[in-house]
Amino acid sequence: MKRTIILLITLINTLSIGSLLAQSAFNVDLGGGAKYIRQGENVTIKGDNSQHYYVFHFSTDFMPAPPPMVENANSGNPMVVDTTFEVQPNIPIQVTNTGLYFIQTDTTSREGVGFTAMPSDFPKYKKMKNVYPSLVYISTQNEMASFKTGSRPRKAFENFWMNIAGSPDNAKRLIKLYFDRVTDANIKFTEYKEGWKTDRGIVYIIFGPPSEISNIDGGIRWSYDSNLNHGQVEFDFIEDNNQFTGTHYELKRSYDYKRVWFDTVKKWRNGTIQ
């Protein structure tokens, strides 16, 4: 088993799901062509009834994307397999735990198929434990601690928005704007982790929808016509492959984004973002 875990961790950074699907003689039906399923929903492995299907579960809580000026971004928490079990093909299986799943018929090979299970209130969070984490992009460490470990997290959440908004009406506007973007990011950009945690997610939440999206060599470019006094701002996302969920976009980070990032976060924090 130790060898298998090491193999799976290595695979995450070296293989694409496209090549795996080409080699694997089975696929995973998440229903409706979705990129993920929710906790409590069913998944079906479409394959040969005579085969054994081994499932590996990763409970890794992936880190949110760092700000765009952080050039040497931390790759995140190590991948650890915490549960393994065998399932039968062509029978709906209820997924009870969130996280990443990787399925193999031969644990000594590199072949397999992965999928992601999200919380039951995904993509539009309703539970406070799922709502507050995305505020990391515009909050201080003390503010995040008050949401997470304070005795009254919902009150801390309300106080946070009132303090930056200045009025109940503006607080409602800002909450709707921010979390509409979080929901959009979850719908559009979810890969092996929640959409709001991805590189495209952080840019979308802070800066909003791009004015223009264009193709570049190896990826896509998001252009913003004007942001504060910075003129046009462009973010380049380079296309890569992820073992579990296929196409993955990584931001080409640069220290040059520092000023526009902090100026825009400041507009969030003084309640003037539009």
C-alpha atoms as a PDB file:
ATOM      1  CA  MET A   1       0.000   0.000   0.000  1.00  0.00           C
ATOM      2  CA  LYS A   2       2.840   2.429   0.782  1.00  0.00           C
ATOM      3  CA  ARG A   3       4.180   1.945  -2.733  1.00  0.00           C
ATOM      4  CA  THR A   4       0.732   2.675  -4.191  1.00  0.00           C
ATOM      5  CA  ILE A   5       0.376   5.903  -2.205  1.00  0.00           C
ATOM      6  CA  ILE A   6       3.780   7.127  -3.373  1.00  0.00           C
ATOM      7  CA  LEU A   7       2.867   6.232  -6.944  1.00  0.00           C
ATOM      8  CA  LEU A   8      -0.401   8.172  -6.772  1.00  0.00           C
ATOM      9  CA  ILE A   9       1.259  11.269  -5.342  1.00  0.00           C
ATOM     10  CA  THR A  10       3.813  11.169  -8.168  1.00  0.00           C
ATOM     11  CA  LEU A  11       1.076  10.787 -10.759  1.00  0.00           C
ATOM     12  CA  ILE A  12      -0.637  14.019  -9.761  1.00  0.00           C
ATOM     13  CA  ASN A  13       2.126  16.140 -11.252  1.00  0.00           C
ATOM     14  CA  THR A  14       3.122  13.924 -14.156  1.00  0.00           C
ATOM     15  CA  LEU A  15       0.049  12.563 -15.907  1.00  0.00           C
ATOM     16  CA  SER A  16      -3.005  13.998 -17.648  1.00  0.00           C
ATOM     17  CA  ILE A  17      -6.473  12.572 -17.341  1.00  0.00           C
ATOM     18  CA  GLY A  18      -6.674  12.529 -21.131  1.00  0.00           C
ATOM     19  CA  SER A  19      -3.889   9.971 -21.403  1.00  0.00           C
ATOM     20  CA  LEU A  20      -5.339   7.991 -18.519  1.00  0.00           C
ATOM     21  CA  LEU A  21      -8.767   7.815 -20.102  1.00  0.00           C
ATOM     22  CA  ALA A  22      -7.200   6.702 -23.349  1.00  0.00           C
ATOM     23  CA  GLN A  23      -5.591   3.766 -21.543  1.00  0.00           C
ATOM     24  CA  SER A  24      -8.315   2.949 -19.017  1.00  0.00           C
ATOM     25  CA  ALA A  25     -11.078   0.581 -20.061  1.00  0.00           C
ATOM     26  CA  PHE A  26     -13.671   2.332 -17.871  1.00  0.00           C
ATOM     27  CA  ASN A  27     -15.054   5.755 -17.103  1.00  0.00           C
ATOM     28  CA  VAL A  28     -16.856   7.518 -14.266  1.00  0.00           C
ATOM     29  CA  ASP A  29     -20.389   8.835 -14.764  1.00  0.00           C
ATOM     30  CA  LEU A  30     -20.977  11.912 -12.605  1.00  0.00           C
ATOM     31  CA  GLY A  31     -24.309  12.662 -14.257  1.00  0.00           C
ATOM     32  CA  GLY A  32     -25.111  15.473 -16.688  1.00  0.00           C
ATOM     33  CA  GLY A  33     -21.526  15.969 -17.791  1.00  0.00           C
ATOM     34  CA  ALA A  34     -20.628  17.688 -14.503  1.00  0.00           C
ATOM     35  CA  LYS A  35     -17.030  18.258 -13.458  1.00  0.00           C
ATOM     36  CA  TYR A  36     -17.805  17.271  -9.885  1.00  0.00           C
ATOM     37  CA  ILE A  37     -20.468  15.724  -7.691  1.00  0.00           C
ATOM     38  CA  ARG A  38     -21.837  16.856  -4.330  1.00  0.00           C
ATOM     39  CA  GLN A  39     -21.568  15.027  -1.063  1.00  0.00           C
ATOM     40  CA  GLY A  40     -24.466  12.581  -0.844  1.00  0.00           C
ATOM     41  CA  GLU A  41     -24.885  12.208  -4.610  1.00  0.00           C
ATOM     42  CA  ASN A  42     -24.257   9.052  -6.629  1.00  0.00           C
ATOM     43  CA  VAL A  43     -21.422   8.140  -8.957  1.00  0.00           C
ATOM     44  CA  THR A  44     -21.323   5.147 -11.312  1.00  0.00           C
ATOM     45  CA  ILE A  45     -18.224   3.420 -12.641  1.00  0.00           C
ATOM     46  CA  LYS A  46     -18.953   2.271 -16.178  1.00  0.00           C
ATOM     47  CA  GLY A  47     -16.845  -0.791 -16.828  1.00  0.00           C
ATOM     48  CA  ASP A  48     -16.402  -4.544 -16.970  1.00  0.00           C
ATOM     49  CA  ASN A  49     -18.253  -6.491 -14.266  1.00  0.00           C
ATOM     50  CA  SER A  50     -15.439  -9.039 -14.158  1.00  0.00           C
ATOM     51  CA  GLN A  51     -12.880  -6.405 -13.141  1.00  0.00           C
ATOM     52  CA  HIS A  52     -11.934  -5.222  -9.660  1.00  0.00           C
ATOM     53  CA  TYR A  53     -12.143  -1.424  -9.120  1.00  0.00           C
ATOM     54  CA  TYR A  54     -10.045   0.076  -6.344  1.00  0.00           C
ATOM     55  CA  VAL A  55     -10.872   3.564  -5.048  1.00  0.00           C
ATOM     56  CA  PHE A  56      -8.376   5.849  -3.305  1.00  0.00           C
ATOM     57  CA  HIS A  57      -9.694   8.851  -1.385  1.00  0.00           C
ATOM     58  CA  PHE A  58      -7.662  12.007  -0.759  1.00  0.00           C
ATOM     59  CA  SER A  59      -9.056  14.269   1.973  1.00  0.00           C
ATOM     60  CA  THR A  60      -6.556  17.046   1.205  1.00  0.00           C
ATOM     61  CA  ASP A  61      -7.894  20.541   1.891  1.00  0.00           C
ATOM     62  CA  PHE A  62      -6.274  22.468  -0.939  1.00  0.00           C
ATOM     63  CA  MET A  63      -4.969  25.950  -0.273  1.00  0.00           C
ATOM     64  CA  PRO A  64      -6.528  29.011  -1.939  1.00  0.00           C
ATOM     65  CA  ALA A  65      -4.535  30.553  -4.774  1.00  0.00           C
ATOM     66  CA  PRO A  66      -1.945  33.103  -3.601  1.00  0.00           C
ATOM     67  CA  PRO A  67      -2.142  36.705  -4.863  1.00  0.00           C
ATOM     68  CA  PRO A  68      -0.960  37.195  -8.465  1.00  0.00           C
ATOM     69  CA  MET A  69       2.278  38.961  -7.485  1.00  0.00           C
ATOM     70  CA  VAL A  70       3.497  35.957  -5.469  1.00  0.00           C
ATOM     71  CA  GLU A  71       5.867  34.422  -8.010  1.00  0.00           C
ATOM     72  CA  ASN A  72       7.092  31.424  -6.020  1.00  0.00           C
ATOM     73  CA  ALA A  73       3.692  30.164  -4.973  1.00  0.00           C
ATOM     74  CA  ASN A  74       3.447  27.366  -2.419  1.00  0.00           C
ATOM     75  CA  SER A  75       2.298  24.204  -4.179  1.00  0.00           C
ATOM     76  CA  GLY A  76      -0.049  23.456  -1.269  1.00  0.00           C
ATOM     77  CA  ASN A  77      -0.627  20.647   1.168  1.00  0.00           C
ATOM     78  CA  PRO A  78       0.887  17.229   0.422  1.00  0.00           C
ATOM     79  CA  MET A  79      -1.421  14.669  -1.154  1.00  0.00           C
ATOM     80  CA  VAL A  80      -2.210  11.819   1.221  1.00  0.00           C
ATOM     81  CA  VAL A  81      -4.438   8.805   0.606  1.00  0.00           C
ATOM     82  CA  ASP A  82      -6.537   8.325   3.746  1.00  0.00           C
ATOM     83  CA  THR A  83      -8.996   5.644   2.603  1.00  0.00           C
ATOM     84  CA  THR A  84      -9.028   2.793   0.098  1.00  0.00           C
ATOM     85  CA  PHE A  85     -11.883   0.482  -0.816  1.00  0.00           C
ATOM     86  CA  GLU A  86     -13.202  -1.692  -3.627  1.00  0.00           C
ATOM     87  CA  VAL A  87     -16.443  -1.042  -5.536  1.00  0.00           C
ATOM     88  CA  GLN A  88     -18.565  -2.809  -8.112  1.00  0.00           C
ATOM     89  CA  PRO A  89     -19.012  -1.296 -11.595  1.00  0.00           C
ATOM     90  CA  ASN A  90     -22.311  -0.233 -13.181  1.00  0.00           C
ATOM     91  CA  ILE A  91     -23.992   0.244  -9.808  1.00  0.00           C
ATOM     92  CA  PRO A  92     -24.686   3.772  -8.421  1.00  0.00           C
ATOM     93  CA  ILE A  93     -22.534   4.464  -5.363  1.00  0.00           C
ATOM     94  CA  GLN A  94     -23.364   7.214  -2.894  1.00  0.00           C
ATOM     95  CA  VAL A  95     -20.381   9.437  -2.111  1.00  0.00           C
ATOM     96  CA  THR A  96     -20.424  10.361   1.574  1.00  0.00           C
ATOM     97  CA  ASN A  97     -17.122  12.252   1.886  1.00  0.00           C
ATOM     98  CA  THR A  98     -15.812  15.307   0.064  1.00  0.00           C
ATOM     99  CA  GLY A  99     -12.381  15.285  -1.555  1.00  0.00           C
ATOM    100  CA  LEU A 100     -10.580  13.700  -4.472  1.00  0.00           C
ATOM    101  CA  TYR A 101     -11.159  10.147  -5.627  1.00  0.00           C
ATOM    102  CA  PHE A 102      -8.888   8.089  -7.859  1.00  0.00           C
ATOM    103  CA  ILE A 103     -10.041   4.741  -9.308  1.00  0.00           C
ATOM    104  CA  GLN A 104      -7.832   1.965 -10.677  1.00  0.00           C
ATOM    105  CA  THR A 105      -8.226  -1.588 -11.886  1.00  0.00           C
ATOM    106  CA  ASP A 106      -4.501  -2.287 -11.464  1.00  0.00           C
ATOM    107  CA  THR A 107      -2.779  -0.587  -8.530  1.00  0.00           C
ATOM    108  CA  THR A 108       0.676  -1.413  -9.908  1.00  0.00           C
ATOM    109  CA  SER A 109       0.055   0.592 -13.093  1.00  0.00           C
ATOM    110  CA  ARG A 110      -0.311   4.292 -13.861  1.00  0.00           C
ATOM    111  CA  GLU A 111      -3.827   3.980 -15.247  1.00  0.00           C
ATOM    112  CA  GLY A 112      -6.851   5.431 -13.505  1.00  0.00           C
ATOM    113  CA  VAL A 113      -9.680   7.945 -13.483  1.00  0.00           C
ATOM    114  CA  GLY A 114     -10.340  10.668 -10.917  1.00  0.00           C
ATOM    115  CA  PHE A 115     -13.183  12.919  -9.820  1.00  0.00           C
ATOM    116  CA  THR A 116     -13.938  15.498  -7.121  1.00  0.00           C
ATOM    117  CA  ALA A 117     -16.704  15.471  -4.493  1.00  0.00           C
ATOM    118  CA  MET A 118     -17.787  18.863  -3.155  1.00  0.00           C
ATOM    119  CA  PRO A 119     -19.903  19.903  -0.114  1.00  0.00           C
ATOM    120  CA  SER A 120     -23.672  19.508  -0.390  1.00  0.00           C
ATOM    121  CA  ASP A 121     -24.203  23.293  -0.642  1.00  0.00           C
ATOM    122  CA  PHE A 122     -21.732  23.703  -3.511  1.00  0.00           C
ATOM    123  CA  PRO A 123     -21.443  25.835  -5.669  1.00  0.00           C
ATOM    124  CA  LYS A 124     -23.544  28.499  -3.871  1.00  0.00           C
ATOM    125  CA  TYR A 125     -22.497  28.143  -0.269  1.00  0.00           C
ATOM    126  CA  LYS A 126     -25.082  28.474   2.499  1.00  0.00           C
ATOM    127  CA  LYS A 127     -23.324  26.957   5.503  1.00  0.00           C
ATOM    128  CA  MET A 128     -21.118  29.441   7.341  1.00  0.00           C
ATOM    129  CA  LYS A 129     -18.227  26.945   7.560  1.00  0.00           C
ATOM    130  CA  ASN A 130     -18.156  26.938   3.736  1.00  0.00           C
ATOM    131  CA  VAL A 131     -18.942  30.639   3.278  1.00  0.00           C
ATOM    132  CA  TYR A 132     -16.199  32.377   5.216  1.00  0.00           C
ATOM    133  CA  PRO A 133     -13.036  30.673   3.810  1.00  0.00           C
ATOM    134  CA  SER A 134     -13.265  32.551   0.479  1.00  0.00           C
ATOM    135  CA  LEU A 135     -12.967  35.860   2.354  1.00  0.00           C
ATOM    136  CA  VAL A 136      -9.254  35.094   2.731  1.00  0.00           C
ATOM    137  CA  TYR A 137      -8.581  37.239  -0.358  1.00  0.00           C
ATOM    138  CA  ILE A 138      -9.763  40.464   1.315  1.00  0.00           C
ATOM    139  CA  SER A 139      -9.411  39.704   5.040  1.00  0.00           C
ATOM    140  CA  THR A 140      -6.683  39.955   7.654  1.00  0.00           C
ATOM    141  CA  GLN A 141      -5.457  36.949   9.621  1.00  0.00           C
ATOM    142  CA  ASN A 142      -7.274  38.176  12.735  1.00  0.00           C
ATOM    143  CA  GLU A 143     -10.520  38.573  10.801  1.00  0.00           C
ATOM    144  CA  MET A 144     -10.228  35.074   9.370  1.00  0.00           C
ATOM    145  CA  ALA A 145      -9.561  33.724  12.873  1.00  0.00           C
ATOM    146  CA  SER A 146     -12.747  35.391  14.145  1.00  0.00           C
ATOM    147  CA  PHE A 147     -14.762  33.583  11.473  1.00  0.00           C
ATOM    148  CA  LYS A 148     -13.123  30.238  12.157  1.00  0.00           C
ATOM    149  CA  THR A 149     -12.575  30.048  15.889  1.00  0.00           C
ATOM    150  CA  GLY A 150     -14.681  32.851  17.386  1.00  0.00           C
ATOM    151  CA  SER A 151     -17.669  32.025  19.565  1.00  0.00           C
ATOM    152  CA  ARG A 152     -20.046  33.805  17.162  1.00  0.00           C
ATOM    153  CA  PRO A 153     -18.731  33.374  13.603  1.00  0.00           C
ATOM    154  CA  ARG A 154     -21.911  34.645  11.922  1.00  0.00           C
ATOM    155  CA  LYS A 155     -21.821  37.822  14.012  1.00  0.00           C
ATOM    156  CA  ALA A 156     -18.143  38.269  13.118  1.00  0.00           C
ATOM    157  CA  PHE A 157     -19.090  37.827   9.458  1.00  0.00           C
ATOM    158  CA  GLU A 158     -21.800  40.507   9.709  1.00  0.00           C
ATOM    159  CA  ASN A 159     -19.497  42.887  11.585  1.00  0.00           C
ATOM    160  CA  PHE A 160     -16.795  42.435   8.954  1.00  0.00           C
ATOM    161  CA  TRP A 161     -19.081  43.565   6.136  1.00  0.00           C
ATOM    162  CA  MET A 162     -20.611  46.411   8.140  1.00  0.00           C
ATOM    163  CA  ASN A 163     -17.171  47.726   9.058  1.00  0.00           C
ATOM    164  CA  ILE A 164     -16.005  47.884   5.446  1.00  0.00           C
ATOM    165  CA  ALA A 165     -19.352  48.907   3.917  1.00  0.00           C
ATOM    166  CA  GLY A 166     -20.371  51.712   6.259  1.00  0.00           C
ATOM    167  CA  SER A 167     -24.102  51.066   5.898  1.00  0.00           C
ATOM    168  CA  PRO A 168     -26.491  48.074   5.812  1.00  0.00           C
ATOM    169  CA  ASP A 169     -27.461  48.730   2.195  1.00  0.00           C
ATOM    170  CA  ASN A 170     -23.871  48.872   0.996  1.00  0.00           C
ATOM    171  CA  ALA A 171     -23.053  45.786   3.072  1.00  0.00           C
ATOM    172  CA  LYS A 172     -25.825  43.859   1.300  1.00  0.00           C
ATOM    173  CA  ARG A 173     -24.535  45.050  -2.064  1.00  0.00           C
ATOM    174  CA  LEU A 174     -20.961  44.021  -1.318  1.00  0.00           C
ATOM    175  CA  ILE A 175     -21.945  40.624   0.076  1.00  0.00           C
ATOM    176  CA  LYS A 176     -24.019  39.890  -3.020  1.00  0.00           C
ATOM    177  CA  LEU A 177     -21.248  41.072  -5.354  1.00  0.00           C
ATOM    178  CA  TYR A 178     -18.528  39.077  -3.625  1.00  0.00           C
ATOM    179  CA  PHE A 179     -20.400  35.828  -3.214  1.00  0.00           C
ATOM    180  CA  ASP A 180     -22.010  35.964  -6.651  1.00  0.00           C
ATOM    181  CA  ARG A 181     -18.438  35.964  -7.940  1.00  0.00           C
ATOM    182  CA  VAL A 182     -17.495  33.095  -5.615  1.00  0.00           C
ATOM    183  CA  THR A 183     -20.440  31.079  -6.940  1.00  0.00           C
ATOM    184  CA  ASP A 184     -19.582  31.924 -10.553  1.00  0.00           C
ATOM    185  CA  ALA A 185     -15.973  30.886  -9.942  1.00  0.00           C
ATOM    186  CA  ASN A 186     -17.128  27.572  -8.470  1.00  0.00           C
ATOM    187  CA  ILE A 187     -19.335  26.889 -11.469  1.00  0.00           C
ATOM    188  CA  LYS A 188     -16.830  27.942 -14.126  1.00  0.00           C
ATOM    189  CA  PHE A 189     -13.418  27.051 -12.748  1.00  0.00           C
ATOM    190  CA  THR A 190     -13.748  24.033 -10.445  1.00  0.00           C
ATOM    191  CA  GLU A 191     -11.057  21.496 -11.258  1.00  0.00           C
ATOM    192  CA  TYR A 192      -9.378  19.272  -8.685  1.00  0.00           C
ATOM    193  CA  LYS A 193     -10.260  21.927  -6.117  1.00  0.00           C
ATOM    194  CA  GLU A 194     -13.041  24.462  -5.639  1.00  0.00           C
ATOM    195  CA  GLY A 195     -13.248  27.110  -8.353  1.00  0.00           C
ATOM    196  CA  TRP A 196     -12.781  29.988  -5.925  1.00  0.00           C
ATOM    197  CA  LYS A 197      -9.421  28.525  -4.883  1.00  0.00           C
ATOM    198  CA  THR A 198      -8.014  28.400  -8.420  1.00  0.00           C
ATOM    199  CA  ASP A 199      -5.861  31.004 -10.165  1.00  0.00           C
ATOM    200  CA  ARG A 200      -8.737  32.051 -12.403  1.00  0.00           C
ATOM    201  CA  GLY A 201     -11.002  32.092  -9.366  1.00  0.00           C
ATOM    202  CA  ILE A 202      -8.948  34.568  -7.345  1.00  0.00           C
ATOM    203  CA  VAL A 203      -8.632  36.971 -10.288  1.00  0.00           C
ATOM    204  CA  TYR A 204     -12.341  36.688 -11.111  1.00  0.00           C
ATOM    205  CA  ILE A 205     -13.438  37.340  -7.519  1.00  0.00           C
ATOM    206  CA  ILE A 206     -11.228  40.374  -6.951  1.00  0.00           C
ATOM    207  CA  PHE A 207     -11.333  41.991 -10.396  1.00  0.00           C
ATOM    208  CA  GLY A 208     -14.600  40.671 -11.771  1.00  0.00           C
ATOM    209  CA  PRO A 209     -15.311  39.238 -15.236  1.00  0.00           C
ATOM    210  CA  PRO A 210     -12.621  40.216 -17.769  1.00  0.00           C
ATOM    211  CA  SER A 211     -13.431  42.738 -20.474  1.00  0.00           C
ATOM    212  CA  GLU A 212     -11.970  40.370 -23.048  1.00  0.00           C
ATOM    213  CA  ILE A 213     -10.693  36.806 -23.201  1.00  0.00           C
ATOM    214  CA  SER A 214      -8.218  35.935 -25.958  1.00  0.00           C
ATOM    215  CA  ASN A 215      -6.062  32.973 -26.890  1.00  0.00           C
ATOM    216  CA  ILE A 216      -2.310  33.155 -26.408  1.00  0.00           C
ATOM    217  CA  ASP A 217       0.457  30.655 -27.028  1.00  0.00           C
ATOM    218  CA  GLY A 218      -0.137  27.894 -24.500  1.00  0.00           C
ATOM    219  CA  GLY A 219      -3.157  29.394 -22.807  1.00  0.00           C
ATOM    220  CA  ILE A 220      -5.584  32.301 -22.495  1.00  0.00           C
ATOM    221  CA  ARG A 221      -5.374  36.002 -21.610  1.00  0.00           C
ATOM    222  CA  TRP A 222      -7.847  37.958 -19.521  1.00  0.00           C
ATOM    223  CA  SER A 223      -7.839  41.683 -20.261  1.00  0.00           C
ATOM    224  CA  TYR A 224      -9.387  44.410 -18.134  1.00  0.00           C
ATOM    225  CA  ASP A 225      -9.914  47.718 -19.933  1.00  0.00           C
ATOM    226  CA  SER A 226      -9.265  49.924 -16.932  1.00  0.00           C
ATOM    227  CA  ASN A 227      -8.622  49.345 -13.252  1.00  0.00           C
ATOM    228  CA  LEU A 228      -8.184  52.358 -10.987  1.00  0.00           C
ATOM    229  CA  ASN A 229      -5.312  54.378 -12.498  1.00  0.00           C
ATOM    230  CA  HIS A 230      -3.508  51.388 -13.942  1.00  0.00           C
ATOM    231  CA  GLY A 231      -4.889  51.391 -17.462  1.00  0.00           C
ATOM    232  CA  GLN A 232      -5.327  48.022 -19.109  1.00  0.00           C
ATOM    233  CA  VAL A 233      -4.450  45.035 -16.935  1.00  0.00           C
ATOM    234  CA  GLU A 234      -3.777  41.594 -18.406  1.00  0.00           C
ATOM    235  CA  PHE A 235      -3.540  38.183 -16.765  1.00  0.00           C
ATOM    236  CA  ASP A 236      -2.101  35.233 -18.691  1.00  0.00           C
ATOM    237  CA  PHE A 237      -3.177  31.720 -17.730  1.00  0.00           C
ATOM    238  CA  ILE A 238      -1.085  28.842 -19.064  1.00  0.00           C
ATOM    239  CA  GLU A 239      -2.898  25.617 -19.871  1.00  0.00           C
ATOM    240  CA  ASP A 240      -1.710  22.490 -18.109  1.00  0.00           C
ATOM    241  CA  ASN A 241      -3.138  19.038 -17.455  1.00  0.00           C
ATOM    242  CA  ASN A 242      -4.332  17.645 -14.158  1.00  0.00           C
ATOM    243  CA  GLN A 243      -4.580  13.930 -13.542  1.00  0.00           C
ATOM    244  CA  PHE A 244      -8.035  14.120 -12.023  1.00  0.00           C
ATOM    245  CA  THR A 245      -9.954  16.761 -13.936  1.00  0.00           C
ATOM    246  CA  GLY A 246      -8.210  17.460 -17.223  1.00  0.00           C
ATOM    247  CA  THR A 247      -7.506  21.036 -18.321  1.00  0.00           C
ATOM    248  CA  HIS A 248      -5.982  23.224 -15.643  1.00  0.00           C
ATOM    249  CA  TYR A 249      -4.914  26.874 -15.934  1.00  0.00           C
ATOM    250  CA  GLU A 250      -2.062  28.379 -13.967  1.00  0.00           C
ATOM    251  CA  LEU A 251      -1.561  32.142 -13.727  1.00  0.00           C
ATOM    252  CA  LYS A 252       1.712  33.531 -14.989  1.00  0.00           C
ATOM    253  CA  ARG A 253       2.511  35.454 -11.831  1.00  0.00           C
ATOM    254  CA  SER A 254       4.491  38.686 -11.695  1.00  0.00           C
ATOM    255  CA  TYR A 255       5.564  41.162  -9.031  1.00  0.00           C
ATOM    256  CA  ASP A 256       4.204  43.847 -11.365  1.00  0.00           C
ATOM    257  CA  TYR A 257       0.680  42.978 -10.180  1.00  0.00           C
ATOM    258  CA  LYS A 258       1.422  44.148  -6.632  1.00  0.00           C
ATOM    259  CA  ARG A 259       0.108  47.689  -6.942  1.00  0.00           C
ATOM    260  CA  VAL A 260      -3.078  46.888  -8.871  1.00  0.00           C
ATOM    261  CA  TRP A 261      -3.803  44.006  -6.496  1.00  0.00           C
ATOM    262  CA  PHE A 262      -3.502  46.048  -3.315  1.00  0.00           C
ATOM    263  CA  ASP A 263      -5.358  49.014  -4.820  1.00  0.00           C
ATOM    264  CA  THR A 264      -8.269  46.785  -5.808  1.00  0.00           C
ATOM    265  CA  VAL A 265      -8.373  44.954  -2.469  1.00  0.00           C
ATOM    266  CA  LYS A 266      -8.381  48.380  -0.820  1.00  0.00           C
ATOM    267  CA  LYS A 267     -11.535  49.253  -2.790  1.00  0.00           C
ATOM    268  CA  TRP A 268     -13.145  46.119  -1.413  1.00  0.00           C
ATOM    269  CA  ARG A 269     -12.092  47.031   2.090  1.00  0.00           C
ATOM    270  CA  ASN A 270     -13.319  50.618   1.911  1.00  0.00           C
ATOM    271  CA  GLY A 271     -16.622  49.544   0.360  1.00  0.00           C
ATOM    272  CA  THR A 272     -16.222  51.356  -2.970  1.00  0.00           C
ATOM    273  CA  ILE A 273     -15.727  48.423  -5.343  1.00  0.00           C
ATOM    274  CA  GLN A 274     -18.276  48.318  -8.144  1.00  0.00           C
END
